[in-house]
Each structure stands twice: as structure tokens, then as C-alpha cells.
């Protein structure tokens, strides 16, 4: 049996870790549905705290998946949108999102092997 490890494994694991963090999927989904301002994200993602939303947006920006734009006005406005890599990631995740909604039960859990 051969081992699974090549140059793509660490990148893949890093991506899974990022998108697997609590609320990251919801933030990406809200961005994909048109959220631009912080309040729009908060309104679309029920239960997320301001602190955690801010943290996730910063992480996604740092990863190059979300772009942050400062609009010099009074008061200053901040807008977020999916970067091109974020758009392709959301598109790549759509089959997984569809698969998860097709699973039986309202929130089917992954069962550990016996």
C-alpha cells in the first residue's frame, strides 16, 4: 500500500482547516449571496458574534479569498466581497453543500467507525 502524501497534501489540509473553522462556511456563503457590509453579514448569519465575524473576515482576507475595500466617506464605510479565488472556492464547495442537504435527517452526524 502506498502512502498519501505529495506536494498538494499540505495545501489541501490548510484549506480544509480554514473552511472547517466555525462560521467560515456561513461567511463564504453570505459573501456568495451578496453580503457586502459587516451588518449584512451579521444579518445573514444568525448567531455569529461581531468579534467572530470580524475574525473570520480577516482570516479570509489574509487567505486571499475575500477583498476588503475602504470607502472614504463620513463615516468611513468598509465593504467586503469574494476575491476571484473565493469565488472559485465557493463554486467548488457547492456540490458539497448540495450533498449535505440531501443527506437523511435534519443534521446527520458523521458516525465513527466501530
PDB file of N, CA and C in Angstrom:
ATOM      1  N   UNK A   1       0.840  -1.161   0.000  1.00  0.00           N
ATOM      2  CA  UNK A   1       0.000   0.000   0.000  1.00  0.00           C
ATOM      3  C   UNK A   1       0.896   1.239   0.000  1.00  0.00           C
ATOM      4  N   UNK A   2       0.563   2.208  -0.824  1.00  0.00           N
ATOM      5  CA  UNK A   2       1.373   3.425  -0.872  1.00  0.00           C
ATOM      6  C   UNK A   2       0.783   4.482   0.063  1.00  0.00           C
ATOM      7  N   UNK A   3       1.632   5.363   0.500  1.00  0.00           N
ATOM      8  CA  UNK A   3       1.185   6.430   1.400  1.00  0.00           C
ATOM      9  C   UNK A   3       0.613   7.578   0.584  1.00  0.00           C
ATOM     10  N   UNK A   4      -0.239   8.339   1.237  1.00  0.00           N
ATOM     11  CA  UNK A   4      -0.834   9.509   0.589  1.00  0.00           C
ATOM     12  C   UNK A   4      -0.106  10.738   1.098  1.00  0.00           C
ATOM     13  N   UNK A   5       0.796  11.235   0.303  1.00  0.00           N
ATOM     14  CA  UNK A   5       1.473  12.476   0.627  1.00  0.00           C
ATOM     15  C   UNK A   5       2.216  12.939  -0.615  1.00  0.00           C
ATOM     16  N   UNK A   6       1.867  14.103  -1.038  1.00  0.00           N
ATOM     17  CA  UNK A   6       2.598  14.735  -2.123  1.00  0.00           C
ATOM     18  C   UNK A   6       2.562  16.227  -1.845  1.00  0.00           C
ATOM     19  N   UNK A   7       3.014  17.008  -2.772  1.00  0.00           N
ATOM     20  CA  UNK A   7       3.099  18.452  -2.562  1.00  0.00           C
ATOM     21  C   UNK A   7       1.743  19.096  -2.308  1.00  0.00           C
ATOM     22  N   UNK A   8       0.671  18.509  -2.815  1.00  0.00           N
ATOM     23  CA  UNK A   8      -0.650  19.120  -2.662  1.00  0.00           C
ATOM     24  C   UNK A   8      -1.275  18.861  -1.296  1.00  0.00           C
ATOM     25  N   UNK A   9      -0.825  17.835  -0.592  1.00  0.00           N
ATOM     26  CA  UNK A   9      -1.448  17.478   0.689  1.00  0.00           C
ATOM     27  C   UNK A   9      -1.430  18.608   1.716  1.00  0.00           C
ATOM     28  N   UNK A  10      -0.287  19.237   1.994  1.00  0.00           N
ATOM     29  CA  UNK A  10      -0.305  20.313   2.995  1.00  0.00           C
ATOM     30  C   UNK A  10      -1.230  21.473   2.609  1.00  0.00           C
ATOM     31  N   UNK A  11      -1.262  21.830   1.343  1.00  0.00           N
ATOM     32  CA  UNK A  11      -2.161  22.910   0.902  1.00  0.00           C
ATOM     33  C   UNK A  11      -3.617  22.512   1.074  1.00  0.00           C
ATOM     34  N   UNK A  12      -3.923  21.273   0.709  1.00  0.00           N
ATOM     35  CA  UNK A  12      -5.285  20.771   0.850  1.00  0.00           C
ATOM     36  C   UNK A  12      -5.693  20.760   2.318  1.00  0.00           C
ATOM     37  N   UNK A  13      -4.813  20.289   3.183  1.00  0.00           N
ATOM     38  CA  UNK A  13      -5.098  20.266   4.623  1.00  0.00           C
ATOM     39  C   UNK A  13      -5.291  21.674   5.164  1.00  0.00           C
ATOM     40  N   UNK A  14      -4.468  22.624   4.724  1.00  0.00           N
ATOM     41  CA  UNK A  14      -4.619  24.020   5.154  1.00  0.00           C
ATOM     42  C   UNK A  14      -5.978  24.575   4.724  1.00  0.00           C
ATOM     43  N   UNK A  15      -6.388  24.257   3.508  1.00  0.00           N
ATOM     44  CA  UNK A  15      -7.688  24.717   3.006  1.00  0.00           C
ATOM     45  C   UNK A  15      -8.820  24.109   3.814  1.00  0.00           C
ATOM     46  N   UNK A  16      -8.731  22.801   4.071  1.00  0.00           N
ATOM     47  CA  UNK A  16      -9.770  22.156   4.876  1.00  0.00           C
ATOM     48  C   UNK A  16      -9.839  22.747   6.283  1.00  0.00           C
ATOM     49  N   UNK A  17      -8.681  23.040   6.852  1.00  0.00           N
ATOM     50  CA  UNK A  17      -8.662  23.634   8.187  1.00  0.00           C
ATOM     51  C   UNK A  17      -9.322  25.014   8.172  1.00  0.00           C
ATOM     52  N   UNK A  18      -9.019  25.817   7.169  1.00  0.00           N
ATOM     53  CA  UNK A  18      -9.607  27.156   7.078  1.00  0.00           C
ATOM     54  C   UNK A  18     -11.117  27.089   6.902  1.00  0.00           C
ATOM     55  N   UNK A  19     -11.596  26.319   5.939  1.00  0.00           N
ATOM     56  CA  UNK A  19     -13.037  26.294   5.689  1.00  0.00           C
ATOM     57  C   UNK A  19     -13.797  25.505   6.736  1.00  0.00           C
ATOM     58  N   UNK A  20     -13.068  24.692   7.503  1.00  0.00           N
ATOM     59  CA  UNK A  20     -13.712  23.919   8.554  1.00  0.00           C
ATOM     60  C   UNK A  20     -13.875  24.668   9.863  1.00  0.00           C
ATOM     61  N   UNK A  21     -13.303  25.850   9.968  1.00  0.00           N
ATOM     62  CA  UNK A  21     -13.458  26.628  11.198  1.00  0.00           C
ATOM     63  C   UNK A  21     -14.899  27.074  11.351  1.00  0.00           C
ATOM     64  N   UNK A  22     -15.318  27.148  12.596  1.00  0.00           N
ATOM     65  CA  UNK A  22     -16.696  27.533  12.876  1.00  0.00           C
ATOM     66  C   UNK A  22     -17.031  28.863  12.204  1.00  0.00           C
ATOM     67  N   UNK A  23     -18.132  28.893  11.515  1.00  0.00           N
ATOM     68  CA  UNK A  23     -18.722  30.048  10.838  1.00  0.00           C
ATOM     69  C   UNK A  23     -18.074  30.397   9.501  1.00  0.00           C
ATOM     70  N   UNK A  24     -16.939  29.827   9.153  1.00  0.00           N
ATOM     71  CA  UNK A  24     -16.291  30.194   7.895  1.00  0.00           C
ATOM     72  C   UNK A  24     -17.176  29.873   6.698  1.00  0.00           C
ATOM     73  N   UNK A  25     -17.787  28.699   6.696  1.00  0.00           N
ATOM     74  CA  UNK A  25     -18.689  28.341   5.600  1.00  0.00           C
ATOM     75  C   UNK A  25     -19.847  29.312   5.482  1.00  0.00           C
ATOM     76  N   UNK A  26     -20.388  29.735   6.605  1.00  0.00           N
ATOM     77  CA  UNK A  26     -21.503  30.689   6.584  1.00  0.00           C
ATOM     78  C   UNK A  26     -21.063  32.048   6.054  1.00  0.00           C
ATOM     79  N   UNK A  27     -19.857  32.476   6.418  1.00  0.00           N
ATOM     80  CA  UNK A  27     -19.343  33.760   5.928  1.00  0.00           C
ATOM     81  C   UNK A  27     -19.141  33.694   4.422  1.00  0.00           C
ATOM     82  N   UNK A  28     -18.561  32.592   3.947  1.00  0.00           N
ATOM     83  CA  UNK A  28     -18.378  32.436   2.500  1.00  0.00           C
ATOM     84  C   UNK A  28     -19.717  32.383   1.779  1.00  0.00           C
ATOM     85  N   UNK A  29     -20.670  31.687   2.358  1.00  0.00           N
ATOM     86  CA  UNK A  29     -21.993  31.586   1.739  1.00  0.00           C
ATOM     87  C   UNK A  29     -22.672  32.953   1.691  1.00  0.00           C
ATOM     88  N   UNK A  30     -22.563  33.723   2.768  1.00  0.00           N
ATOM     89  CA  UNK A  30     -23.156  35.067   2.789  1.00  0.00           C
ATOM     90  C   UNK A  30     -22.503  35.952   1.732  1.00  0.00           C
ATOM     91  N   UNK A  31     -21.194  35.859   1.596  1.00  0.00           N
ATOM     92  CA  UNK A  31     -20.491  36.634   0.564  1.00  0.00           C
ATOM     93  C   UNK A  31     -20.969  36.230  -0.822  1.00  0.00           C
ATOM     94  N   UNK A  32     -21.134  34.927  -1.020  1.00  0.00           N
ATOM     95  CA  UNK A  32     -21.615  34.439  -2.305  1.00  0.00           C
ATOM     96  C   UNK A  32     -23.038  34.864  -2.618  1.00  0.00           C
ATOM     97  N   UNK A  33     -23.798  35.154  -1.572  1.00  0.00           N
ATOM     98  CA  UNK A  33     -25.185  35.605  -1.752  1.00  0.00           C
ATOM     99  C   UNK A  33     -25.310  37.122  -1.783  1.00  0.00           C
ATOM    100  N   UNK A  34     -24.171  37.824  -1.781  1.00  0.00           N
ATOM    101  CA  UNK A  34     -24.210  39.258  -1.993  1.00  0.00           C
ATOM    102  C   UNK A  34     -23.962  40.146  -0.791  1.00  0.00           C
ATOM    103  N   UNK A  35     -23.643  39.592   0.361  1.00  0.00           N
ATOM    104  CA  UNK A  35     -23.343  40.445   1.518  1.00  0.00           C
ATOM    105  C   UNK A  35     -22.104  41.278   1.207  1.00  0.00           C
ATOM    106  N   UNK A  36     -22.156  42.545   1.526  1.00  0.00           N
ATOM    107  CA  UNK A  36     -21.026  43.438   1.280  1.00  0.00           C
ATOM    108  C   UNK A  36     -20.573  44.146   2.553  1.00  0.00           C
ATOM    109  N   UNK A  37     -21.509  44.571   3.364  1.00  0.00           N
ATOM    110  CA  UNK A  37     -21.174  45.318   4.577  1.00  0.00           C
ATOM    111  C   UNK A  37     -21.279  44.403   5.791  1.00  0.00           C
ATOM    112  N   UNK A  38     -20.547  44.770   6.838  1.00  0.00           N
ATOM    113  CA  UNK A  38     -20.487  43.961   8.046  1.00  0.00           C
ATOM    114  C   UNK A  38     -21.884  43.632   8.560  1.00  0.00           C
ATOM    115  N   UNK A  39     -22.763  44.624   8.603  1.00  0.00           N
ATOM    116  CA  UNK A  39     -24.121  44.415   9.092  1.00  0.00           C
ATOM    117  C   UNK A  39     -24.915  43.441   8.237  1.00  0.00           C
ATOM    118  N   UNK A  40     -24.632  43.408   6.947  1.00  0.00           N
ATOM    119  CA  UNK A  40     -25.310  42.452   6.066  1.00  0.00           C
ATOM    120  C   UNK A  40     -24.875  41.024   6.379  1.00  0.00           C
ATOM    121  N   UNK A  41     -23.584  40.846   6.632  1.00  0.00           N
ATOM    122  CA  UNK A  41     -23.100  39.526   7.037  1.00  0.00           C
ATOM    123  C   UNK A  41     -23.767  39.110   8.342  1.00  0.00           C
ATOM    124  N   UNK A  42     -23.760  40.011   9.309  1.00  0.00           N
ATOM    125  CA  UNK A  42     -24.332  39.700  10.623  1.00  0.00           C
ATOM    126  C   UNK A  42     -25.811  39.343  10.497  1.00  0.00           C
ATOM    127  N   UNK A  43     -26.547  40.056   9.636  1.00  0.00           N
ATOM    128  CA  UNK A  43     -27.975  39.786   9.448  1.00  0.00           C
ATOM    129  C   UNK A  43     -28.214  38.437   8.760  1.00  0.00           C
ATOM    130  N   UNK A  44     -27.304  38.039   7.881  1.00  0.00           N
ATOM    131  CA  UNK A  44     -27.469  36.784   7.146  1.00  0.00           C
ATOM    132  C   UNK A  44     -27.016  35.565   7.946  1.00  0.00           C
ATOM    133  N   UNK A  45     -26.134  35.779   8.925  1.00  0.00           N
ATOM    134  CA  UNK A  45     -25.561  34.655   9.678  1.00  0.00           C
ATOM    135  C   UNK A  45     -26.082  34.727  11.107  1.00  0.00           C
ATOM    136  N   UNK A  46     -27.159  34.041  11.326  1.00  0.00           N
ATOM    137  CA  UNK A  46     -27.802  34.058  12.642  1.00  0.00           C
ATOM    138  C   UNK A  46     -26.889  33.426  13.692  1.00  0.00           C
ATOM    139  N   UNK A  47     -26.658  34.162  14.780  1.00  0.00           N
ATOM    140  CA  UNK A  47     -25.918  33.625  15.914  1.00  0.00           C
ATOM    141  C   UNK A  47     -24.439  33.953  15.955  1.00  0.00           C
ATOM    142  N   UNK A  48     -23.883  34.527  14.903  1.00  0.00           N
ATOM    143  CA  UNK A  48     -22.453  34.845  14.918  1.00  0.00           C
ATOM    144  C   UNK A  48     -22.228  36.138  15.705  1.00  0.00           C
ATOM    145  N   UNK A  49     -21.169  36.159  16.499  1.00  0.00           N
ATOM    146  CA  UNK A  49     -20.833  37.373  17.254  1.00  0.00           C
ATOM    147  C   UNK A  49     -20.054  38.335  16.360  1.00  0.00           C
ATOM    148  N   UNK A  50     -20.081  39.612  16.714  1.00  0.00           N
ATOM    149  CA  UNK A  50     -19.317  40.601  15.952  1.00  0.00           C
ATOM    150  C   UNK A  50     -17.829  40.262  15.957  1.00  0.00           C
ATOM    151  N   UNK A  51     -17.324  39.829  17.118  1.00  0.00           N
ATOM    152  CA  UNK A  51     -15.908  39.513  17.244  1.00  0.00           C
ATOM    153  C   UNK A  51     -15.523  38.373  16.316  1.00  0.00           C
ATOM    154  N   UNK A  52     -16.330  37.324  16.303  1.00  0.00           N
ATOM    155  CA  UNK A  52     -16.009  36.170  15.465  1.00  0.00           C
ATOM    156  C   UNK A  52     -16.187  36.485  13.982  1.00  0.00           C
ATOM    157  N   UNK A  53     -17.195  37.255  13.635  1.00  0.00           N
ATOM    158  CA  UNK A  53     -17.383  37.648  12.236  1.00  0.00           C
ATOM    159  C   UNK A  53     -16.183  38.464  11.768  1.00  0.00           C
ATOM    160  N   UNK A  54     -15.748  39.399  12.576  1.00  0.00           N
ATOM    161  CA  UNK A  54     -14.578  40.210  12.232  1.00  0.00           C
ATOM    162  C   UNK A  54     -13.344  39.335  12.056  1.00  0.00           C
ATOM    163  N   UNK A  55     -13.166  38.381  12.943  1.00  0.00           N
ATOM    164  CA  UNK A  55     -12.017  37.475  12.867  1.00  0.00           C
ATOM    165  C   UNK A  55     -12.060  36.646  11.597  1.00  0.00           C
ATOM    166  N   UNK A  56     -13.222  36.091  11.272  1.00  0.00           N
ATOM    167  CA  UNK A  56     -13.327  35.253  10.066  1.00  0.00           C
ATOM    168  C   UNK A  56     -13.092  36.080   8.800  1.00  0.00           C
ATOM    169  N   UNK A  57     -13.643  37.290   8.750  1.00  0.00           N
ATOM    170  CA  UNK A  57     -13.418  38.134   7.576  1.00  0.00           C
ATOM    171  C   UNK A  57     -11.933  38.451   7.417  1.00  0.00           C
ATOM    172  N   UNK A  58     -11.245  38.721   8.516  1.00  0.00           N
ATOM    173  CA  UNK A  58      -9.801  38.994   8.459  1.00  0.00           C
ATOM    174  C   UNK A  58      -9.037  37.765   7.986  1.00  0.00           C
ATOM    175  N   UNK A  59      -9.399  36.588   8.480  1.00  0.00           N
ATOM    176  CA  UNK A  59      -8.738  35.354   8.056  1.00  0.00           C
ATOM    177  C   UNK A  59      -8.951  35.102   6.568  1.00  0.00           C
ATOM    178  N   UNK A  60     -10.172  35.293   6.112  1.00  0.00           N
ATOM    179  CA  UNK A  60     -10.474  35.064   4.696  1.00  0.00           C
ATOM    180  C   UNK A  60      -9.777  36.100   3.815  1.00  0.00           C
ATOM    181  N   UNK A  61      -9.671  37.329   4.308  1.00  0.00           N
ATOM    182  CA  UNK A  61      -8.932  38.356   3.570  1.00  0.00           C
ATOM    183  C   UNK A  61      -7.449  37.982   3.499  1.00  0.00           C
ATOM    184  N   UNK A  62      -6.887  37.564   4.621  1.00  0.00           N
ATOM    185  CA  UNK A  62      -5.479  37.172   4.675  1.00  0.00           C
ATOM    186  C   UNK A  62      -5.191  35.991   3.744  1.00  0.00           C
ATOM    187  N   UNK A  63      -6.159  35.099   3.600  1.00  0.00           N
ATOM    188  CA  UNK A  63      -6.008  33.934   2.717  1.00  0.00           C
ATOM    189  C   UNK A  63      -6.252  34.273   1.253  1.00  0.00           C
ATOM    190  N   UNK A  64      -6.629  35.519   0.966  1.00  0.00           N
ATOM    191  CA  UNK A  64      -6.872  35.931  -0.419  1.00  0.00           C
ATOM    192  C   UNK A  64      -8.216  35.500  -0.963  1.00  0.00           C
ATOM    193  N   UNK A  65      -9.156  35.176  -0.066  1.00  0.00           N
ATOM    194  CA  UNK A  65     -10.475  34.721  -0.507  1.00  0.00           C
ATOM    195  C   UNK A  65     -11.520  35.827  -0.462  1.00  0.00           C
ATOM    196  N   UNK A  66     -11.284  36.840   0.341  1.00  0.00           N
ATOM    197  CA  UNK A  66     -12.194  37.983   0.474  1.00  0.00           C
ATOM    198  C   UNK A  66     -11.374  39.256   0.293  1.00  0.00           C
ATOM    199  N   UNK A  67     -11.946  40.212  -0.410  1.00  0.00           N
ATOM    200  CA  UNK A  67     -11.304  41.512  -0.586  1.00  0.00           C
ATOM    201  C   UNK A  67     -12.029  42.542   0.261  1.00  0.00           C
ATOM    202  N   UNK A  68     -11.269  43.387   0.933  1.00  0.00           N
ATOM    203  CA  UNK A  68     -11.795  44.435   1.802  1.00  0.00           C
ATOM    204  C   UNK A  68     -11.513  45.781   1.147  1.00  0.00           C
ATOM    205  N   UNK A  69     -12.546  46.603   1.030  1.00  0.00           N
ATOM    206  CA  UNK A  69     -12.417  47.922   0.421  1.00  0.00           C
ATOM    207  C   UNK A  69     -12.863  48.975   1.415  1.00  0.00           C
ATOM    208  N   UNK A  70     -12.027  50.004   1.602  1.00  0.00           N
ATOM    209  CA  UNK A  70     -12.364  51.125   2.469  1.00  0.00           C
ATOM    210  C   UNK A  70     -12.869  52.253   1.583  1.00  0.00           C
ATOM    211  N   UNK A  71     -14.079  52.722   1.871  1.00  0.00           N
ATOM    212  CA  UNK A  71     -14.675  53.819   1.110  1.00  0.00           C
ATOM    213  C   UNK A  71     -14.573  55.078   1.966  1.00  0.00           C
ATOM    214  N   UNK A  72     -13.748  56.044   1.510  1.00  0.00           N
ATOM    215  CA  UNK A  72     -13.561  57.251   2.313  1.00  0.00           C
ATOM    216  C   UNK A  72     -14.811  58.130   2.278  1.00  0.00           C
ATOM    217  N   UNK A  73     -15.600  58.008   3.295  1.00  0.00           N
ATOM    218  CA  UNK A  73     -16.815  58.806   3.439  1.00  0.00           C
ATOM    219  C   UNK A  73     -16.961  59.118   4.918  1.00  0.00           C
ATOM    220  N   UNK A  74     -18.001  59.827   5.268  1.00  0.00           N
ATOM    221  CA  UNK A  74     -18.261  60.116   6.676  1.00  0.00           C
ATOM    222  C   UNK A  74     -19.594  59.504   7.051  1.00  0.00           C
ATOM    223  N   UNK A  75     -19.609  58.484   7.888  1.00  0.00           N
ATOM    224  CA  UNK A  75     -18.447  57.752   8.402  1.00  0.00           C
ATOM    225  C   UNK A  75     -17.825  56.869   7.333  1.00  0.00           C
ATOM    226  N   UNK A  76     -16.611  56.425   7.595  1.00  0.00           N
ATOM    227  CA  UNK A  76     -15.901  55.536   6.665  1.00  0.00           C
ATOM    228  C   UNK A  76     -16.709  54.250   6.506  1.00  0.00           C
ATOM    229  N   UNK A  77     -16.798  53.768   5.276  1.00  0.00           N
ATOM    230  CA  UNK A  77     -17.508  52.516   5.007  1.00  0.00           C
ATOM    231  C   UNK A  77     -16.502  51.443   4.610  1.00  0.00           C
ATOM    232  N   UNK A  78     -16.745  50.249   5.102  1.00  0.00           N
ATOM    233  CA  UNK A  78     -15.922  49.090   4.756  1.00  0.00           C
ATOM    234  C   UNK A  78     -16.820  48.110   4.010  1.00  0.00           C
ATOM    235  N   UNK A  79     -16.349  47.653   2.858  1.00  0.00           N
ATOM    236  CA  UNK A  79     -17.096  46.648   2.107  1.00  0.00           C
ATOM    237  C   UNK A  79     -16.209  45.435   1.861  1.00  0.00           C
ATOM    238  N   UNK A  80     -16.853  44.290   1.830  1.00  0.00           N
ATOM    239  CA  UNK A  80     -16.170  43.026   1.582  1.00  0.00           C
ATOM    240  C   UNK A  80     -16.829  42.361   0.384  1.00  0.00           C
ATOM    241  N   UNK A  81     -16.034  41.625  -0.354  1.00  0.00           N
ATOM    242  CA  UNK A  81     -16.584  40.817  -1.443  1.00  0.00           C
ATOM    243  C   UNK A  81     -15.645  39.666  -1.698  1.00  0.00           C
ATOM    244  N   UNK A  82     -16.174  38.630  -2.325  1.00  0.00           N
ATOM    245  CA  UNK A  82     -15.338  37.492  -2.654  1.00  0.00           C
ATOM    246  C   UNK A  82     -14.269  37.900  -3.661  1.00  0.00           C
ATOM    247  N   UNK A  83     -13.045  37.507  -3.394  1.00  0.00           N
ATOM    248  CA  UNK A  83     -11.962  37.657  -4.363  1.00  0.00           C
ATOM    249  C   UNK A  83     -12.145  36.547  -5.404  1.00  0.00           C
ATOM    250  N   UNK A  84     -11.462  36.644  -6.531  1.00  0.00           N
ATOM    251  CA  UNK A  84     -11.601  35.577  -7.533  1.00  0.00           C
ATOM    252  C   UNK A  84     -11.358  34.169  -6.969  1.00  0.00           C
ATOM    253  N   UNK A  85     -10.340  34.000  -6.115  1.00  0.00           N
ATOM    254  CA  UNK A  85     -10.111  32.685  -5.516  1.00  0.00           C
ATOM    255  C   UNK A  85     -11.259  32.287  -4.594  1.00  0.00           C
ATOM    256  N   UNK A  86     -11.869  33.252  -3.925  1.00  0.00           N
ATOM    257  CA  UNK A  86     -13.024  32.972  -3.082  1.00  0.00           C
ATOM    258  C   UNK A  86     -14.219  32.520  -3.901  1.00  0.00           C
ATOM    259  N   UNK A  87     -14.396  33.144  -5.056  1.00  0.00           N
ATOM    260  CA  UNK A  87     -15.499  32.751  -5.947  1.00  0.00           C
ATOM    261  C   UNK A  87     -15.315  31.317  -6.423  1.00  0.00           C
ATOM    262  N   UNK A  88     -14.087  30.959  -6.802  1.00  0.00           N
ATOM    263  CA  UNK A  88     -13.874  29.585  -7.271  1.00  0.00           C
ATOM    264  C   UNK A  88     -13.992  28.588  -6.125  1.00  0.00           C
ATOM    265  N   UNK A  89     -13.588  28.988  -4.909  1.00  0.00           N
ATOM    266  CA  UNK A  89     -13.749  28.102  -3.761  1.00  0.00           C
ATOM    267  C   UNK A  89     -15.226  27.865  -3.471  1.00  0.00           C
ATOM    268  N   UNK A  90     -16.022  28.923  -3.465  1.00  0.00           N
ATOM    269  CA  UNK A  90     -17.462  28.770  -3.214  1.00  0.00           C
ATOM    270  C   UNK A  90     -18.082  27.876  -4.285  1.00  0.00           C
ATOM    271  N   UNK A  91     -17.694  28.070  -5.529  1.00  0.00           N
ATOM    272  CA  UNK A  91     -18.212  27.218  -6.610  1.00  0.00           C
ATOM    273  C   UNK A  91     -17.796  25.760  -6.397  1.00  0.00           C
ATOM    274  N   UNK A  92     -16.559  25.549  -5.937  1.00  0.00           N
ATOM    275  CA  UNK A  92     -16.093  24.186  -5.691  1.00  0.00           C
ATOM    276  C   UNK A  92     -16.816  23.547  -4.508  1.00  0.00           C
ATOM    277  N   UNK A  93     -17.236  24.357  -3.539  1.00  0.00           N
ATOM    278  CA  UNK A  93     -17.922  23.839  -2.352  1.00  0.00           C
ATOM    279  C   UNK A  93     -19.408  23.574  -2.585  1.00  0.00           C
ATOM    280  N   UNK A  94     -19.979  24.109  -3.647  1.00  0.00           N
ATOM    281  CA  UNK A  94     -21.414  23.943  -3.893  1.00  0.00           C
ATOM    282  C   UNK A  94     -21.836  22.476  -3.988  1.00  0.00           C
ATOM    283  N   UNK A  95     -21.100  21.617  -4.689  1.00  0.00           N
ATOM    284  CA  UNK A  95     -21.511  20.203  -4.687  1.00  0.00           C
ATOM    285  C   UNK A  95     -21.537  19.607  -3.279  1.00  0.00           C
ATOM    286  N   UNK A  96     -20.598  19.990  -2.440  1.00  0.00           N
ATOM    287  CA  UNK A  96     -20.580  19.510  -1.059  1.00  0.00           C
ATOM    288  C   UNK A  96     -21.791  20.046  -0.296  1.00  0.00           C
ATOM    289  N   UNK A  97     -22.148  21.302  -0.518  1.00  0.00           N
ATOM    290  CA  UNK A  97     -23.326  21.874   0.138  1.00  0.00           C
ATOM    291  C   UNK A  97     -24.594  21.146  -0.302  1.00  0.00           C
ATOM    292  N   UNK A  98     -24.700  20.864  -1.594  1.00  0.00           N
ATOM    293  CA  UNK A  98     -25.866  20.125  -2.096  1.00  0.00           C
ATOM    294  C   UNK A  98     -25.901  18.709  -1.523  1.00  0.00           C
ATOM    295  N   UNK A  99     -24.745  18.070  -1.462  1.00  0.00           N
ATOM    296  CA  UNK A  99     -24.666  16.728  -0.891  1.00  0.00           C
ATOM    297  C   UNK A  99     -25.137  16.738   0.559  1.00  0.00           C
ATOM    298  N   UNK A 100     -24.708  17.732   1.325  1.00  0.00           N
ATOM    299  CA  UNK A 100     -25.066  17.770   2.741  1.00  0.00           C
ATOM    300  C   UNK A 100     -26.565  17.973   2.947  1.00  0.00           C
ATOM    301  N   UNK A 101     -27.224  18.720   2.054  1.00  0.00           N
ATOM    302  CA  UNK A 101     -28.665  18.915   2.199  1.00  0.00           C
ATOM    303  C   UNK A 101     -29.447  17.676   1.780  1.00  0.00           C
ATOM    304  N   UNK A 102     -28.849  16.833   0.933  1.00  0.00           N
ATOM    305  CA  UNK A 102     -29.529  15.603   0.509  1.00  0.00           C
ATOM    306  C   UNK A 102     -29.427  14.480   1.536  1.00  0.00           C
ATOM    307  N   UNK A 103     -28.510  14.604   2.472  1.00  0.00           N
ATOM    308  CA  UNK A 103     -28.341  13.547   3.473  1.00  0.00           C
ATOM    309  C   UNK A 103     -29.601  13.405   4.297  1.00  0.00           C
ATOM    310  N   UNK A 104     -29.842  12.215   4.760  1.00  0.00           N
ATOM    311  CA  UNK A 104     -31.049  11.977   5.556  1.00  0.00           C
ATOM    312  C   UNK A 104     -30.924  12.638   6.921  1.00  0.00           C
ATOM    313  N   UNK A 105     -32.050  13.081   7.434  1.00  0.00           N
ATOM    314  CA  UNK A 105     -32.105  13.711   8.747  1.00  0.00           C
ATOM    315  C   UNK A 105     -31.764  15.182   8.667  1.00  0.00           C
ATOM    316  N   UNK A 106     -32.259  15.953   9.627  1.00  0.00           N
ATOM    317  CA  UNK A 106     -32.027  17.392   9.606  1.00  0.00           C
ATOM    318  C   UNK A 106     -30.561  17.772   9.769  1.00  0.00           C
ATOM    319  N   UNK A 107     -29.828  17.058  10.610  1.00  0.00           N
ATOM    320  CA  UNK A 107     -28.399  17.329  10.792  1.00  0.00           C
ATOM    321  C   UNK A 107     -27.704  16.003  11.031  1.00  0.00           C
ATOM    322  N   UNK A 108     -27.540  15.251   9.966  1.00  0.00           N
ATOM    323  CA  UNK A 108     -26.920  13.927  10.084  1.00  0.00           C
ATOM    324  C   UNK A 108     -25.482  14.079  10.557  1.00  0.00           C
ATOM    325  N   UNK A 109     -25.118  13.292  11.521  1.00  0.00           N
ATOM    326  CA  UNK A 109     -23.764  13.352  12.077  1.00  0.00           C
ATOM    327  C   UNK A 109     -22.899  12.292  11.425  1.00  0.00           C
ATOM    328  N   UNK A 110     -21.633  12.566  11.355  1.00  0.00           N
ATOM    329  CA  UNK A 110     -20.683  11.569  10.873  1.00  0.00           C
ATOM    330  C   UNK A 110     -20.504  10.581  12.003  1.00  0.00           C
ATOM    331  N   UNK A 111     -20.720   9.325  11.710  1.00  0.00           N
ATOM    332  CA  UNK A 111     -20.624   8.282  12.726  1.00  0.00           C
ATOM    333  C   UNK A 111     -19.237   7.680  12.720  1.00  0.00           C
ATOM    334  N   UNK A 112     -18.628   7.539  13.912  1.00  0.00           N
ATOM    335  CA  UNK A 112     -17.297   6.931  13.956  1.00  0.00           C
ATOM    336  C   UNK A 112     -17.377   5.453  13.590  1.00  0.00           C
ATOM    337  N   UNK A 113     -16.284   4.959  13.033  1.00  0.00           N
ATOM    338  CA  UNK A 113     -16.209   3.527  12.689  1.00  0.00           C
ATOM    339  C   UNK A 113     -16.117   2.700  13.960  1.00  0.00           C
ATOM    340  N   UNK A 114     -16.731   1.524  13.935  1.00  0.00           N
ATOM    341  CA  UNK A 114     -16.674   0.638  15.108  1.00  0.00           C
ATOM    342  C   UNK A 114     -15.359  -0.071  15.208  1.00  0.00           C
TER     343      UNK A 114
END
